C-alpha atoms as a PDB file:
ATOM      1  CA  MET A   1     154.639 -66.995 102.214  1.00  0.00           C
ATOM      2  CA  HIS A   2     152.662 -64.567 100.884  1.00  0.00           C
ATOM      3  CA  CYS A   3     154.803 -61.684 102.447  1.00  0.00           C
ATOM      4  CA  ALA A   4     158.035 -63.597 100.603  1.00  0.00           C
ATOM      5  CA  GLN A   5     156.214 -62.806  97.343  1.00  0.00           C
ATOM      6  CA  TYR A   6     155.046 -66.474  97.277  1.00  0.00           C
ATOM      7  CA  LYS A   7     151.811 -68.176  95.485  1.00  0.00           C
ATOM      8  CA  SER A   8     150.743 -70.094  97.877  1.00  0.00           C
ATOM      9  CA  ALA A   9     147.697 -71.077 100.338  1.00  0.00           C
ATOM     10  CA  ARG A  10     146.848 -72.933 103.687  1.00  0.00           C
ATOM     11  CA  PHE A  11     144.577 -75.042 105.029  1.00  0.00           C
ATOM     12  CA  ASP A  12     143.469 -74.177 108.281  1.00  0.00           C
ATOM     13  CA  LEU A  13     140.317 -74.735 110.456  1.00  0.00           C
ATOM     14  CA  LEU A  14     140.776 -71.265 111.884  1.00  0.00           C
ATOM     15  CA  ASP A  15     140.003 -70.053 108.030  1.00  0.00           C
ATOM     16  CA  ASN A  16     136.336 -71.515 108.133  1.00  0.00           C
ATOM     17  CA  ASN A  17     134.508 -71.332 111.513  1.00  0.00           C
ATOM     18  CA  GLN A  18     131.154 -73.200 109.646  1.00  0.00           C
ATOM     19  CA  PRO A  19     127.928 -74.173 111.680  1.00  0.00           C
ATOM     20  CA  SER A  20     128.449 -76.918 112.832  1.00  0.00           C
ATOM     21  CA  ASN A  21     125.491 -78.133 110.512  1.00  0.00           C
ATOM     22  CA  ARG A  22     126.923 -77.789 107.700  1.00  0.00           C
ATOM     23  CA  HIS A  23     128.185 -80.928 106.369  1.00  0.00           C
ATOM     24  CA  SER A  24     131.455 -80.118 104.753  1.00  0.00           C
ATOM     25  CA  ASN A  25     134.344 -77.946 105.687  1.00  0.00           C
ATOM     26  CA  PHE A  26     136.740 -77.255 102.612  1.00  0.00           C
ATOM     27  CA  MET A  27     139.449 -76.286 105.276  1.00  0.00           C
ATOM     28  CA  ASP A  28     139.285 -79.387 106.882  1.00  0.00           C
ATOM     29  CA  LEU A  29     141.319 -82.886 105.722  1.00  0.00           C
ATOM     30  CA  THR A  30     139.185 -84.722 107.250  1.00  0.00           C
ATOM     31  CA  HIS A  31     136.070 -83.905 105.542  1.00  0.00           C
ATOM     32  CA  THR A  32     135.666 -84.670 101.957  1.00  0.00           C
ATOM     33  CA  SER A  33     135.306 -80.953 100.510  1.00  0.00           C
ATOM     34  CA  GLY A  34     138.361 -80.121 102.651  1.00  0.00           C
ATOM     35  CA  TYR A  35     140.744 -82.974 101.517  1.00  0.00           C
ATOM     36  CA  ALA A  36     139.466 -83.069  97.293  1.00  0.00           C
ATOM     37  CA  LEU A  37     140.809 -79.297  97.607  1.00  0.00           C
ATOM     38  CA  ALA A  38     143.994 -79.577  99.281  1.00  0.00           C
ATOM     39  CA  VAL A  39     144.686 -82.687  96.835  1.00  0.00           C
ATOM     40  CA  LEU A  40     143.624 -80.528  93.834  1.00  0.00           C
ATOM     41  CA  PHE A  41     145.727 -77.402  95.390  1.00  0.00           C
ATOM     42  CA  LEU A  42     149.144 -80.011  95.015  1.00  0.00           C
ATOM     43  CA  LEU A  43     147.941 -80.992  91.613  1.00  0.00           C
ATOM     44  CA  ARG A  44     148.151 -77.754  90.466  1.00  0.00           C
ATOM     45  CA  ALA A  45     151.502 -76.804  91.979  1.00  0.00           C
ATOM     46  CA  LYS A  46     154.691 -76.512  89.360  1.00  0.00           C
ATOM     47  CA  PRO A  47     156.204 -80.216  89.311  1.00  0.00           C
ATOM     48  CA  GLY A  48     159.942 -80.401  90.896  1.00  0.00           C
ATOM     49  CA  ASP A  49     159.384 -76.742  92.032  1.00  0.00           C
ATOM     50  CA  PHE A  50     157.215 -76.244  95.161  1.00  0.00           C
ATOM     51  CA  ALA A  51     157.171 -77.267  99.011  1.00  0.00           C
ATOM     52  CA  SER A  52     154.818 -77.935 100.995  1.00  0.00           C
ATOM     53  CA  HIS A  53     154.671 -77.654 105.133  1.00  0.00           C
ATOM     54  CA  PHE A  54     152.258 -79.941 107.388  1.00  0.00           C
ATOM     55  CA  GLY A  55     151.363 -78.795 110.686  1.00  0.00           C
ATOM     56  CA  ILE A  56     149.431 -81.618 111.804  1.00  0.00           C
ATOM     57  CA  LYS A  57     147.433 -80.918 115.094  1.00  0.00           C
ATOM     58  CA  CYS A  58     148.827 -82.838 117.819  1.00  0.00           C
ATOM     59  CA  ALA A  59     146.687 -82.885 120.536  1.00  0.00           C
ATOM     60  CA  SER A  60     146.073 -86.791 119.972  1.00  0.00           C
ATOM     61  CA  PHE A  61     149.333 -87.440 119.633  1.00  0.00           C
ATOM     62  CA  SER A  62     150.965 -85.903 123.019  1.00  0.00           C
ATOM     63  CA  LYS A  63     151.584 -87.543 126.092  1.00  0.00           C
ATOM     64  CA  MET A  64     149.363 -85.487 127.922  1.00  0.00           C
ATOM     65  CA  ASN A  65     146.287 -87.021 125.999  1.00  0.00           C
ATOM     66  CA  ILE A  66     147.651 -91.014 126.808  1.00  0.00           C
ATOM     67  CA  GLY A  67     144.979 -90.970 129.469  1.00  0.00           C
ATOM     68  CA  THR A  68     142.387 -90.958 126.336  1.00  0.00           C
ATOM     69  CA  SER A  69     144.357 -91.982 123.119  1.00  0.00           C
ATOM     70  CA  ARG A  70     146.260 -94.712 125.126  1.00  0.00           C
ATOM     71  CA  ARG A  71     148.544 -94.286 122.721  1.00  0.00           C
ATOM     72  CA  SER A  72     152.271 -95.410 123.283  1.00  0.00           C
ATOM     73  CA  ALA A  73     155.334 -95.946 120.843  1.00  0.00           C
ATOM     74  CA  CYS A  74     154.145 -99.696 120.707  1.00  0.00           C
ATOM     75  CA  GLY A  75     150.977 -99.140 120.397  1.00  0.00           C
ATOM     76  CA  PRO A  76     150.592 -95.738 118.302  1.00  0.00           C
ATOM     77  CA  VAL A  77     147.186 -96.278 116.603  1.00  0.00           C
ATOM     78  CA  GLY A  78     145.473 -95.605 120.061  1.00  0.00           C
ATOM     79  CA  HIS A  79     141.914 -96.528 121.048  1.00  0.00           C
ATOM     80  CA  SER A  80     140.322 -96.596 118.260  1.00  0.00           C
ATOM     81  CA  GLU A  81     136.815 -96.490 120.156  1.00  0.00           C
ATOM     82  CA  HIS A  82     137.369 -92.438 121.019  1.00  0.00           C
ATOM     83  CA  ARG A  83     135.966 -90.340 118.543  1.00  0.00           C
ATOM     84  CA  SER A  84     138.602 -87.986 119.101  1.00  0.00           C
ATOM     85  CA  VAL A  85     141.354 -91.113 118.349  1.00  0.00           C
ATOM     86  CA  GLN A  86     139.314 -91.791 114.803  1.00  0.00           C
ATOM     87  CA  ILE A  87     139.679 -88.610 113.811  1.00  0.00           C
ATOM     88  CA  ALA A  88     143.553 -87.658 114.461  1.00  0.00           C
ATOM     89  CA  ASN A  89     144.046 -91.006 112.822  1.00  0.00           C
ATOM     90  CA  ASN A  90     142.336 -90.000 109.710  1.00  0.00           C
ATOM     91  CA  LEU A  91     143.875 -87.061 109.480  1.00  0.00           C
ATOM     92  CA  LEU A  92     147.603 -88.257 109.649  1.00  0.00           C
ATOM     93  CA  GLU A  93     146.440 -90.887 107.339  1.00  0.00           C
ATOM     94  CA  ARG A  94     145.365 -88.484 104.317  1.00  0.00           C
ATOM     95  CA  THR A  95     148.498 -86.432 105.421  1.00  0.00           C
ATOM     96  CA  CYS A  96     150.274 -89.147 104.389  1.00  0.00           C
ATOM     97  CA  ALA A  97     148.818 -89.466 101.196  1.00  0.00           C
ATOM     98  CA  LEU A  98     149.732 -86.058 100.626  1.00  0.00           C
ATOM     99  CA  VAL A  99     153.192 -86.231 101.500  1.00  0.00           C
ATOM    100  CA  LEU A 100     153.473 -89.294  98.562  1.00  0.00           C
ATOM    101  CA  LEU A 101     151.720 -87.117  96.504  1.00  0.00           C
ATOM    102  CA  VAL A 102     154.067 -84.271  96.810  1.00  0.00           C
ATOM    103  CA  THR A 103     156.986 -86.801  96.694  1.00  0.00           C
ATOM    104  CA  ALA A 104     155.546 -88.208  93.352  1.00  0.00           C
ATOM    105  CA  LEU A 105     155.387 -84.651  91.712  1.00  0.00           C
ATOM    106  CA  GLY A 106     159.084 -83.656  93.003  1.00  0.00           C
ATOM    107  CA  GLY A 107     158.343 -81.142  95.645  1.00  0.00           C
ATOM    108  CA  ALA A 108     159.678 -80.887  98.999  1.00  0.00           C
ATOM    109  CA  TRP A 109     157.736 -81.740 102.108  1.00  0.00           C
ATOM    110  CA  SER A 110     158.183 -80.989 105.600  1.00  0.00           C
ATOM    111  CA  VAL A 111     155.962 -82.251 108.859  1.00  0.00           C
ATOM    112  CA  GLU A 112     156.118 -80.531 112.299  1.00  0.00           C
ATOM    113  CA  GLN A 113     155.258 -81.810 115.556  1.00  0.00           C
ATOM    114  CA  PRO A 114     155.935 -80.889 118.942  1.00  0.00           C
ATOM    115  CA  SER A 115     158.494 -83.303 120.926  1.00  0.00           C
ATOM    116  CA  GLY A 116     157.356 -86.316 123.028  1.00  0.00           C
ATOM    117  CA  SER A 117     154.070 -86.633 119.844  1.00  0.00           C
ATOM    118  CA  LEU A 118     153.711 -89.650 119.117  1.00  0.00           C
ATOM    119  CA  LEU A 119     153.021 -89.715 115.323  1.00  0.00           C
ATOM    120  CA  GLU A 120     156.617 -90.568 114.462  1.00  0.00           C
ATOM    121  CA  PHE A 121     155.218 -94.232 115.137  1.00  0.00           C
ATOM    122  CA  TYR A 122     151.951 -94.279 113.639  1.00  0.00           C
ATOM    123  CA  PRO A 123     152.484 -97.590 111.132  1.00  0.00           C
ATOM    124  CA  VAL A 124     150.911 -95.618 108.038  1.00  0.00           C
ATOM    125  CA  TRP A 125     154.182 -93.000 108.413  1.00  0.00           C
ATOM    126  CA  ARG A 126     156.667 -95.389 108.777  1.00  0.00           C
ATOM    127  CA  GLU A 127     155.252 -97.314 105.690  1.00  0.00           C
ATOM    128  CA  VAL A 128     155.455 -94.342 103.722  1.00  0.00           C
ATOM    129  CA  ILE A 129     158.795 -93.322 104.589  1.00  0.00           C
ATOM    130  CA  GLN A 130     159.989 -96.643 103.667  1.00  0.00           C
ATOM    131  CA  HIS A 131     157.986 -96.337 100.315  1.00  0.00           C
ATOM    132  CA  ILE A 132     160.480 -93.133 100.023  1.00  0.00           C
ATOM    133  CA  PHE A 133     163.516 -94.667 100.998  1.00  0.00           C
ATOM    134  CA  SER A 134     162.863 -97.083  98.153  1.00  0.00           C
ATOM    135  CA  CYS A 135     162.293 -95.219  95.396  1.00  0.00           C
ATOM    136  CA  GLY A 136     165.189 -92.884  96.594  1.00  0.00           C
ATOM    137  CA  SER A 137     167.830 -93.932  99.420  1.00  0.00           C
ATOM    138  CA  THR A 138     167.989 -93.866 103.195  1.00  0.00           C
ATOM    139  CA  THR A 139     168.926 -90.034 103.358  1.00  0.00           C
ATOM    140  CA  SER A 140     165.525 -89.209 101.283  1.00  0.00           C
ATOM    141  CA  VAL A 141     163.642 -88.420 104.172  1.00  0.00           C
ATOM    142  CA  GLN A 142     165.690 -86.481 107.183  1.00  0.00           C
ATOM    143  CA  CYS A 143     164.922 -85.932 110.802  1.00  0.00           C
ATOM    144  CA  VAL A 144     166.215 -82.586 112.731  1.00  0.00           C
ATOM    145  CA  LYS A 145     164.706 -81.745 116.730  1.00  0.00           C
ATOM    146  CA  TRP A 146     165.311 -78.216 117.963  1.00  0.00           C
ATOM    147  CA  TRP A 147     164.565 -75.832 120.502  1.00  0.00           C
ATOM    148  CA  MET A 148     161.586 -73.108 119.752  1.00  0.00           C
ATOM    149  CA  ALA A 149     163.207 -70.828 122.210  1.00  0.00           C
ATOM    150  CA  HIS A 150     165.784 -70.024 119.529  1.00  0.00           C
ATOM    151  CA  TYR A 151     163.233 -68.197 117.871  1.00  0.00           C
ATOM    152  CA  SER A 152     161.805 -66.385 120.144  1.00  0.00           C
ATOM    153  CA  SER A 153     159.683 -68.409 121.948  1.00  0.00           C
ATOM    154  CA  LYS A 154     158.345 -67.597 124.879  1.00  0.00           C
ATOM    155  CA  THR A 155     158.826 -71.148 125.759  1.00  0.00           C
ATOM    156  CA  ALA A 156     161.751 -73.363 125.560  1.00  0.00           C
ATOM    157  CA  LYS A 157     159.905 -76.221 123.769  1.00  0.00           C
ATOM    158  CA  ARG A 158     161.186 -78.977 121.717  1.00  0.00           C
ATOM    159  CA  HIS A 159     159.971 -80.095 118.049  1.00  0.00           C
ATOM    160  CA  TYR A 160     160.838 -82.698 115.510  1.00  0.00           C
ATOM    161  CA  CYS A 161     160.547 -82.480 111.560  1.00  0.00           C
ATOM    162  CA  TYR A 162     160.656 -84.988 108.770  1.00  0.00           C
ATOM    163  CA  SER A 163     161.483 -83.541 105.730  1.00  0.00           C
ATOM    164  CA  ASN A 164     162.742 -85.149 101.919  1.00  0.00           C
ATOM    165  CA  THR A 165     165.519 -82.518 101.883  1.00  0.00           C
ATOM    166  CA  ALA A 166     168.732 -82.168 104.104  1.00  0.00           C
ATOM    167  CA  SER A 167     167.814 -78.637 104.243  1.00  0.00           C
ATOM    168  CA  ILE A 168     165.598 -78.885 106.857  1.00  0.00           C
ATOM    169  CA  LEU A 169     168.906 -79.494 109.330  1.00  0.00           C
ATOM    170  CA  LYS A 170     169.630 -76.289 109.183  1.00  0.00           C
ATOM    171  CA  ILE A 171     166.731 -74.607 111.914  1.00  0.00           C
ATOM    172  CA  ASP A 172     168.444 -76.365 114.341  1.00  0.00           C
ATOM    173  CA  LYS A 173     170.220 -73.995 116.079  1.00  0.00           C
ATOM    174  CA  GLY A 174     171.952 -76.399 118.944  1.00  0.00           C
ATOM    175  CA  LYS A 175     171.760 -76.894 122.373  1.00  0.00           C
ATOM    176  CA  LEU A 176     169.831 -74.199 124.547  1.00  0.00           C
ATOM    177  CA  GLN A 177     172.204 -72.640 126.949  1.00  0.00           C
ATOM    178  CA  GLY A 178     171.358 -69.830 129.488  1.00  0.00           C
ATOM    179  CA  TRP A 179     167.683 -69.248 128.476  1.00  0.00           C
ATOM    180  CA  LYS A 180     165.941 -69.938 131.844  1.00  0.00           C
ATOM    181  CA  SER A 181     168.354 -67.211 133.204  1.00  0.00           C
ATOM    182  CA  LYS A 182     167.016 -64.939 130.621  1.00  0.00           C
ATOM    183  CA  HIS A 183     162.982 -65.701 130.426  1.00  0.00           C
ATOM    184  CA  PRO A 184     160.956 -66.255 133.560  1.00  0.00           C
ATOM    185  CA  GLY A 185     159.647 -69.696 133.652  1.00  0.00           C
ATOM    186  CA  ILE A 186     156.371 -70.328 131.979  1.00  0.00           C
ATOM    187  CA  LYS A 187     154.355 -73.547 132.651  1.00  0.00           C
ATOM    188  CA  THR A 188     152.446 -74.894 130.315  1.00  0.00           C
ATOM    189  CA  ALA A 189     151.331 -78.056 131.739  1.00  0.00           C
ATOM    190  CA  ASP A 190     150.761 -79.212 135.468  1.00  0.00           C
ATOM    191  CA  ARG A 191     151.901 -82.785 136.262  1.00  0.00           C
ATOM    192  CA  TYR A 192     149.850 -84.201 138.977  1.00  0.00           C
ATOM    193  CA  ARG A 193     149.318 -88.242 140.313  1.00  0.00           C
ATOM    194  CA  ASP A 194     145.247 -89.393 140.420  1.00  0.00           C
ATOM    195  CA  GLY A 195     143.688 -91.333 143.478  1.00  0.00           C
ATOM    196  CA  SER A 196     145.357 -94.694 142.019  1.00  0.00           C
ATOM    197  CA  GLY A 197     148.999 -92.764 142.115  1.00  0.00           C
ATOM    198  CA  LYS A 198     149.643 -92.611 138.341  1.00  0.00           C
ATOM    199  CA  LEU A 199     151.007 -89.704 136.675  1.00  0.00           C
ATOM    200  CA  ARG A 200     148.477 -87.320 135.041  1.00  0.00           C
ATOM    201  CA  TYR A 201     148.879 -83.628 132.892  1.00  0.00           C
ATOM    202  CA  LYS A 202     146.588 -80.762 132.939  1.00  0.00           C
ATOM    203  CA  GLY A 203     147.182 -78.241 130.501  1.00  0.00           C
ATOM    204  CA  THR A 204     147.799 -74.771 131.764  1.00  0.00           C
ATOM    205  CA  VAL A 205     146.695 -71.313 130.430  1.00  0.00           C
ATOM    206  CA  HIS A 206     149.789 -71.081 128.245  1.00  0.00           C
ATOM    207  CA  LEU A 207     149.311 -73.967 126.579  1.00  0.00           C
ATOM    208  CA  ARG A 208     147.286 -72.381 123.783  1.00  0.00           C
ATOM    209  CA  GLY A 209     149.724 -69.936 122.888  1.00  0.00           C
ATOM    210  CA  THR A 210     152.208 -72.358 121.995  1.00  0.00           C
ATOM    211  CA  GLU A 211     150.166 -73.554 119.317  1.00  0.00           C
ATOM    212  CA  ASN A 212     150.964 -70.359 117.030  1.00  0.00           C
ATOM    213  CA  TYR A 213     154.764 -70.570 115.005  1.00  0.00           C
ATOM    214  CA  PRO A 214     157.278 -67.548 116.149  1.00  0.00           C
ATOM    215  CA  VAL A 215     157.312 -65.128 113.597  1.00  0.00           C
ATOM    216  CA  PRO A 216     161.078 -65.480 113.327  1.00  0.00           C
ATOM    217  CA  PHE A 217     160.659 -69.436 113.056  1.00  0.00           C
ATOM    218  CA  ALA A 218     157.896 -68.996 110.055  1.00  0.00           C
ATOM    219  CA  ARG A 219     160.830 -66.787 108.501  1.00  0.00           C
ATOM    220  CA  ALA A 220     163.618 -69.162 108.858  1.00  0.00           C
ATOM    221  CA  VAL A 221     161.066 -71.966 106.991  1.00  0.00           C
ATOM    222  CA  VAL A 222     160.419 -69.497 104.198  1.00  0.00           C
ATOM    223  CA  ASP A 223     163.898 -68.445 103.784  1.00  0.00           C
ATOM    224  CA  LEU A 224     164.673 -72.639 102.988  1.00  0.00           C
ATOM    225  CA  VAL A 225     162.363 -72.532 100.676  1.00  0.00           C
ATOM    226  CA  GLU A 226     164.162 -72.512  97.371  1.00  0.00           C
ATOM    227  CA  GLU A 227     166.941 -74.497  98.972  1.00  0.00           C
ATOM    228  CA  MET A 228     164.392 -77.237  99.688  1.00  0.00           C
ATOM    229  CA  LYS A 229     162.757 -77.150  96.370  1.00  0.00           C
ATOM    230  CA  ALA A 230     166.181 -77.626  94.934  1.00  0.00           C
ATOM    231  CA  THR A 231     167.624 -80.424  96.875  1.00  0.00           C
ATOM    232  CA  ALA A 232     164.029 -82.470  97.206  1.00  0.00           C
ATOM    233  CA  GLU A 233     164.540 -86.330  97.354  1.00  0.00           C
ATOM    234  CA  GLY A 234     162.441 -89.688  96.594  1.00  0.00           C
ATOM    235  CA  GLN A 235     160.854 -88.975  93.452  1.00  0.00           C
ATOM    236  CA  PRO A 236     160.366 -92.345  91.525  1.00  0.00           C
ATOM    237  CA  GLN A 237     162.645 -92.417  88.116  1.00  0.00           C
ATOM    238  CA  LEU A 238     160.198 -92.673  85.710  1.00  0.00           C
ATOM    239  CA  PRO A 239     161.034 -94.191  82.411  1.00  0.00           C
ATOM    240  CA  PRO A 240     161.630 -91.606  79.011  1.00  0.00           C
ATOM    241  CA  ARG A 241     158.156 -90.185  77.784  1.00  0.00           C
ATOM    242  CA  GLU A 242     158.054 -92.346  74.850  1.00  0.00           C
ATOM    243  CA  LEU A 243     158.181 -96.243  76.965  1.00  0.00           C
ATOM    244  CA  LEU A 244     155.686 -95.137  78.940  1.00  0.00           C
ATOM    245  CA  PRO A 245     152.589 -97.030  78.890  1.00  0.00           C
ATOM    246  CA  PRO A 246     148.913 -95.522  78.588  1.00  0.00           C
ATOM    247  CA  ALA A 247     147.296 -94.210  81.369  1.00  0.00           C
ATOM    248  CA  ILE A 248     144.773 -96.878  81.100  1.00  0.00           C
ATOM    249  CA  GLU A 249     147.275 -99.800  81.165  1.00  0.00           C
ATOM    250  CA  THR A 250     149.147 -98.512  84.430  1.00  0.00           C
ATOM    251  CA  PHE A 251     146.026 -98.310  86.247  1.00  0.00           C
ATOM    252  CA  THR A 252     143.943-101.555  85.303  1.00  0.00           C
ATOM    253  CA  THR A 253     147.357-103.475  86.004  1.00  0.00           C
ATOM    254  CA  ALA A 254     147.853-101.427  89.191  1.00  0.00           C
ATOM    255  CA  GLY A 255     147.381-103.746  92.517  1.00  0.00           C
ATOM    256  CA  TRP A 256     143.731-102.571  94.347  1.00  0.00           C
ATOM    257  CA  GLU A 257     143.849-105.034  97.367  1.00  0.00           C
ATOM    258  CA  GLU A 258     142.834-103.584 100.485  1.00  0.00           C
ATOM    259  CA  SER A 259     145.615-102.412 102.977  1.00  0.00           C
ATOM    260  CA  ASP A 260     145.568-103.561 106.862  1.00  0.00           C
ATOM    261  CA  THR A 261     147.446-100.799 107.447  1.00  0.00           C
ATOM    262  CA  TRP A 262     145.100 -97.356 106.018  1.00  0.00           C
ATOM    263  CA  GLN A 263     142.634 -98.386 108.163  1.00  0.00           C
ATOM    264  CA  PHE A 264     141.410 -94.939 109.085  1.00  0.00           C
ATOM    265  CA  ALA A 265     142.156 -93.011 105.288  1.00  0.00           C
ATOM    266  CA  ASP A 266     138.573 -93.232 104.366  1.00  0.00           C
ATOM    267  CA  PHE A 267     138.888 -91.976 101.123  1.00  0.00           C
ATOM    268  CA  ILE A 268     135.368 -93.460  99.668  1.00  0.00           C
ATOM    269  CA  PRO A 269     133.595 -90.794 100.559  1.00  0.00           C
ATOM    270  CA  VAL A 270     136.656 -88.469  99.313  1.00  0.00           C
ATOM    271  CA  TYR A 271     135.861 -90.366  95.620  1.00  0.00           C
ATOM    272  CA  ASN A 272     132.245 -90.444  95.538  1.00  0.00           C
ATOM    273  CA  TYR A 273     132.036 -86.764  96.033  1.00  0.00           C
ATOM    274  CA  LEU A 274     134.212 -86.059  93.509  1.00  0.00           C
ATOM    275  CA  ARG A 275     133.166 -88.590  91.066  1.00  0.00           C
ATOM    276  CA  ARG A 276     129.219 -87.262  91.192  1.00  0.00           C
ATOM    277  CA  CYS A 277     130.138 -83.695  90.812  1.00  0.00           C
ATOM    278  CA  LYS A 278     128.015 -82.524  87.941  1.00  0.00           C
ATOM    279  CA  HIS A 279     130.696 -80.506  86.281  1.00  0.00           C
ATOM    280  CA  LEU A 280     133.170 -83.964  86.385  1.00  0.00           C
ATOM    281  CA  VAL A 281     133.178 -84.707  82.416  1.00  0.00           C
ATOM    282  CA  VAL A 282     134.817 -88.486  82.561  1.00  0.00           C
ATOM    283  CA  PRO A 283     136.446 -89.415  78.827  1.00  0.00           C
ATOM    284  CA  ARG A 284     134.266 -92.480  77.895  1.00  0.00           C
ATOM    285  CA  GLU A 285     137.307 -95.151  77.337  1.00  0.00           C
ATOM    286  CA  TRP A 286     137.732 -94.441  81.565  1.00  0.00           C
ATOM    287  CA  GLN A 287     133.886 -94.699  82.280  1.00  0.00           C
ATOM    288  CA  THR A 288     133.629 -98.124  82.940  1.00  0.00           C
ATOM    289  CA  LEU A 289     136.764 -98.046  85.073  1.00  0.00           C
ATOM    290  CA  LEU A 290     135.223 -95.628  87.472  1.00  0.00           C
ATOM    291  CA  PRO A 291     131.923 -96.435  89.070  1.00  0.00           C
ATOM    292  CA  ILE A 292     130.047 -93.628  89.710  1.00  0.00           C
ATOM    293  CA  LYS A 293     129.592 -94.609  93.590  1.00  0.00           C
ATOM    294  CA  LEU A 294     131.595 -97.146  95.413  1.00  0.00           C
ATOM    295  CA  HIS A 295     130.684 -98.822  98.498  1.00  0.00           C
ATOM    296  CA  GLU A 296     130.405 -96.815 101.599  1.00  0.00           C
ATOM    297  CA  THR A 297     132.698 -98.359 104.346  1.00  0.00           C
ATOM    298  CA  THR A 298     132.781 -96.898 107.990  1.00  0.00           C
ATOM    299  CA  VAL A 299     135.458 -96.343 110.232  1.00  0.00           C
ATOM    300  CA  VAL A 300     135.680 -98.820 113.468  1.00  0.00           C
END
């Protein structure tokens, strides 16, 4: 994005490999500082004229991990007693909230996963799509699938992507033909059966190399940015400014009941992190509505 002269930022764990004894990593959306920074960055974007891409870590949602995660299309939340499953669910649910924020601000968004990922069946993700449908239409969210080999990938690798703009459909270049005859096969996973006869998967040394987008694919997405921004859908329609109620009235009349769906987002630590910031100035009329600290909850 920088090479294409866009003002942009990325959040990637590779950009901040902090020692494990540090409390919060500002590049990790599952950490308080990382998520707060991501929200701040989106709020500073120009409403109606920006785009965000979310390449969520797929490990816990992949078929190779179902022995640990115990996820399935009918049970996408997985085995929540595993810490890795909790972290993945937290990341996805917080990303879902960011998708709603981008939509509300009139921005374009895209969420990418490798084929076989069970992310698209996750209940919070489904709820987010339904919310966007209700504000726009059933065409406000599109899904496209493509072969990464069309973008010079060393493996064929099928992917899918959801977006609130139909422009994303252009990254699909159709059927993959003649690829095997032109490229030597590179196995990213071995299949075997364990002692009980159950089919298992084990990644090879070539698997990690597929985690990065090929440059031609990244270039193709960048080339679509302007069109994506112009065709983004799903933003709720607001009444004329003179008819908008005061922010305090909207806040106090909103429903704040607990959700049975958003079990892992764990927003309370993020709120406390921001609310207790020594540089935060809360207007007097808001102080009684925004307690200094909310009750901490534990994800189980």
